[in-house]
Amino acid sequence: MFNKKQCYFCSQNLSEIDYKDTEMLRRFMSGQAKIIDPKYTGICAKHQRLLSAALKRGRILGLLPFVRQ
């Protein structure tokens, strides 16, 4: 049986995801710097959308890598 994980952002009462907090954002990136599927992270759909936007914004500004070598 599959147990659903609780959303990290809902449990911490975080309404916004800061793109400058790179350590927190790296938790949701794979080794190749890809965004991890919410099925594995347990993030709800609302926060997954905010997370992906923050990750993309961080990549554009050079805070996060697009790919790993």
N, C-alpha and C. Protein backbone atom coordinates (compact mmCIF):
# COMPACT_ATOMS: atom_id res chain seq x y z
N MET A 1 0.83 -1.17 0.00
CA MET A 1 0.00 0.00 0.00
C MET A 1 0.88 1.24 0.00
N PHE A 2 0.45 2.26 -0.71
CA PHE A 2 1.21 3.49 -0.87
C PHE A 2 0.74 4.53 0.14
N ASN A 3 1.65 5.02 0.96
CA ASN A 3 1.32 6.08 1.91
C ASN A 3 1.71 7.42 1.33
N LYS A 4 0.77 8.35 1.30
CA LYS A 4 1.04 9.67 0.75
C LYS A 4 1.83 10.49 1.75
N LYS A 5 2.91 11.11 1.25
CA LYS A 5 3.72 11.98 2.09
C LYS A 5 3.01 13.32 2.26
N GLN A 6 3.32 14.00 3.33
CA GLN A 6 2.79 15.34 3.55
C GLN A 6 3.65 16.35 2.81
N CYS A 7 3.01 17.35 2.27
CA CYS A 7 3.72 18.42 1.56
C CYS A 7 4.64 19.15 2.53
N TYR A 8 5.90 19.31 2.14
CA TYR A 8 6.90 19.98 2.98
C TYR A 8 6.50 21.43 3.26
N PHE A 9 6.02 22.13 2.25
CA PHE A 9 5.69 23.54 2.38
C PHE A 9 4.40 23.75 3.18
N CYS A 10 3.42 22.85 3.04
CA CYS A 10 2.19 22.94 3.83
C CYS A 10 2.48 22.66 5.30
N SER A 11 3.33 21.69 5.58
CA SER A 11 3.63 21.34 6.97
C SER A 11 4.46 22.42 7.66
N GLN A 12 5.26 23.19 6.90
CA GLN A 12 6.07 24.28 7.47
C GLN A 12 5.34 25.63 7.43
N ASN A 13 4.10 25.64 6.93
CA ASN A 13 3.29 26.87 6.80
C ASN A 13 4.02 27.93 5.97
N LEU A 14 4.64 27.52 4.87
CA LEU A 14 5.31 28.43 3.96
C LEU A 14 4.36 28.75 2.81
N SER A 15 4.00 30.02 2.67
CA SER A 15 3.09 30.40 1.59
C SER A 15 3.84 30.77 0.32
N GLU A 16 5.07 31.27 0.47
CA GLU A 16 5.87 31.62 -0.69
C GLU A 16 7.17 30.83 -0.69
N ILE A 17 7.69 30.57 -1.89
CA ILE A 17 8.95 29.86 -2.04
C ILE A 17 9.97 30.85 -2.58
N ASP A 18 11.04 31.06 -1.82
CA ASP A 18 12.04 32.06 -2.19
C ASP A 18 13.06 31.45 -3.14
N TYR A 19 13.22 32.05 -4.29
CA TYR A 19 14.17 31.54 -5.28
C TYR A 19 15.62 31.75 -4.86
N LYS A 20 15.87 32.61 -3.87
CA LYS A 20 17.23 32.87 -3.41
C LYS A 20 17.71 31.84 -2.37
N ASP A 21 16.78 31.04 -1.85
CA ASP A 21 17.13 30.01 -0.86
C ASP A 21 17.56 28.75 -1.60
N THR A 22 18.80 28.74 -2.08
CA THR A 22 19.26 27.67 -2.96
C THR A 22 19.41 26.33 -2.23
N GLU A 23 19.74 26.35 -0.95
CA GLU A 23 19.89 25.09 -0.21
C GLU A 23 18.56 24.35 -0.13
N MET A 24 17.48 25.08 0.11
CA MET A 24 16.16 24.45 0.17
C MET A 24 15.73 23.97 -1.21
N LEU A 25 16.02 24.75 -2.24
CA LEU A 25 15.61 24.38 -3.59
C LEU A 25 16.37 23.16 -4.10
N ARG A 26 17.63 22.99 -3.67
CA ARG A 26 18.42 21.84 -4.11
C ARG A 26 17.87 20.52 -3.58
N ARG A 27 17.09 20.57 -2.51
CA ARG A 27 16.46 19.35 -1.98
C ARG A 27 15.49 18.73 -3.00
N PHE A 28 14.95 19.57 -3.88
CA PHE A 28 13.94 19.13 -4.83
C PHE A 28 14.50 19.00 -6.24
N MET A 29 15.84 18.93 -6.36
CA MET A 29 16.51 18.73 -7.64
C MET A 29 17.26 17.41 -7.62
N SER A 30 17.30 16.73 -8.76
CA SER A 30 18.03 15.47 -8.86
C SER A 30 19.52 15.74 -9.05
N GLY A 31 20.29 14.68 -9.16
CA GLY A 31 21.73 14.81 -9.37
C GLY A 31 22.09 15.47 -10.68
N GLN A 32 21.19 15.37 -11.67
CA GLN A 32 21.42 16.02 -12.96
C GLN A 32 20.77 17.40 -13.03
N ALA A 33 20.38 17.94 -11.87
CA ALA A 33 19.76 19.27 -11.74
C ALA A 33 18.38 19.33 -12.38
N LYS A 34 17.67 18.21 -12.40
CA LYS A 34 16.29 18.19 -12.89
C LYS A 34 15.33 18.33 -11.71
N ILE A 35 14.13 18.84 -11.99
CA ILE A 35 13.11 18.96 -10.96
C ILE A 35 12.55 17.57 -10.67
N ILE A 36 12.53 17.18 -9.40
CA ILE A 36 12.05 15.85 -9.02
C ILE A 36 10.53 15.82 -9.05
N ASP A 37 9.99 14.71 -9.50
CA ASP A 37 8.56 14.47 -9.61
C ASP A 37 7.89 14.60 -8.24
N PRO A 38 6.73 15.26 -8.17
CA PRO A 38 6.06 15.41 -6.87
C PRO A 38 5.58 14.08 -6.28
N LYS A 39 5.51 13.05 -7.09
CA LYS A 39 5.14 11.74 -6.57
C LYS A 39 6.19 11.23 -5.58
N TYR A 40 7.44 11.59 -5.80
CA TYR A 40 8.52 11.16 -4.92
C TYR A 40 8.77 12.13 -3.77
N THR A 41 8.54 13.43 -4.01
CA THR A 41 8.79 14.42 -2.96
C THR A 41 7.59 14.61 -2.05
N GLY A 42 6.38 14.31 -2.53
CA GLY A 42 5.18 14.46 -1.72
C GLY A 42 4.63 15.88 -1.68
N ILE A 43 5.06 16.72 -2.60
CA ILE A 43 4.61 18.11 -2.61
C ILE A 43 3.25 18.20 -3.31
N CYS A 44 2.37 19.05 -2.76
CA CYS A 44 1.06 19.23 -3.36
C CYS A 44 1.19 20.01 -4.68
N ALA A 45 0.14 19.99 -5.48
CA ALA A 45 0.17 20.59 -6.81
C ALA A 45 0.42 22.09 -6.76
N LYS A 46 -0.19 22.76 -5.79
CA LYS A 46 -0.01 24.21 -5.67
C LYS A 46 1.45 24.56 -5.42
N HIS A 47 2.08 23.87 -4.49
CA HIS A 47 3.46 24.18 -4.17
C HIS A 47 4.43 23.65 -5.23
N GLN A 48 4.04 22.62 -5.97
CA GLN A 48 4.88 22.14 -7.06
C GLN A 48 4.98 23.21 -8.16
N ARG A 49 3.89 23.88 -8.43
CA ARG A 49 3.91 24.96 -9.42
C ARG A 49 4.79 26.11 -8.95
N LEU A 50 4.66 26.49 -7.67
CA LEU A 50 5.48 27.57 -7.13
C LEU A 50 6.96 27.17 -7.09
N LEU A 51 7.23 25.90 -6.76
CA LEU A 51 8.60 25.40 -6.70
C LEU A 51 9.26 25.42 -8.07
N SER A 52 8.54 24.96 -9.08
CA SER A 52 9.13 24.93 -10.42
C SER A 52 9.41 26.34 -10.93
N ALA A 53 8.53 27.28 -10.61
CA ALA A 53 8.77 28.67 -11.01
C ALA A 53 9.99 29.24 -10.29
N ALA A 54 10.14 28.93 -9.00
CA ALA A 54 11.29 29.42 -8.23
C ALA A 54 12.59 28.80 -8.74
N LEU A 55 12.56 27.50 -9.07
CA LEU A 55 13.75 26.84 -9.61
C LEU A 55 14.15 27.45 -10.95
N LYS A 56 13.19 27.68 -11.80
CA LYS A 56 13.49 28.27 -13.10
C LYS A 56 14.02 29.70 -12.97
N ARG A 57 13.45 30.46 -12.03
CA ARG A 57 13.93 31.82 -11.80
C ARG A 57 15.36 31.80 -11.27
N GLY A 58 15.64 30.86 -10.36
CA GLY A 58 17.00 30.74 -9.84
C GLY A 58 18.00 30.34 -10.90
N ARG A 59 17.57 29.51 -11.84
CA ARG A 59 18.45 29.11 -12.95
C ARG A 59 18.77 30.30 -13.85
N ILE A 60 17.75 31.09 -14.17
CA ILE A 60 17.94 32.25 -15.04
C ILE A 60 18.92 33.25 -14.42
N LEU A 61 18.82 33.44 -13.10
CA LEU A 61 19.69 34.40 -12.43
C LEU A 61 21.06 33.83 -12.11
N GLY A 62 21.29 32.56 -12.39
CA GLY A 62 22.60 31.97 -12.19
C GLY A 62 22.84 31.43 -10.79
N LEU A 63 21.80 31.33 -9.97
CA LEU A 63 21.95 30.80 -8.62
C LEU A 63 21.95 29.28 -8.61
N LEU A 64 21.27 28.68 -9.57
CA LEU A 64 21.17 27.22 -9.68
C LEU A 64 21.63 26.79 -11.08
N PRO A 65 22.17 25.58 -11.19
CA PRO A 65 22.64 25.12 -12.50
C PRO A 65 21.48 24.63 -13.37
N PHE A 66 21.65 24.74 -14.68
CA PHE A 66 20.70 24.14 -15.60
C PHE A 66 20.94 22.64 -15.71
N VAL A 67 22.20 22.25 -15.81
CA VAL A 67 22.59 20.84 -15.87
C VAL A 67 23.85 20.63 -15.05
N ARG A 68 24.09 19.40 -14.65
CA ARG A 68 25.34 19.06 -13.95
C ARG A 68 26.28 18.39 -14.93
N GLN A 69 27.55 18.66 -14.81
CA GLN A 69 28.52 18.02 -15.68
C GLN A 69 28.93 16.69 -15.12
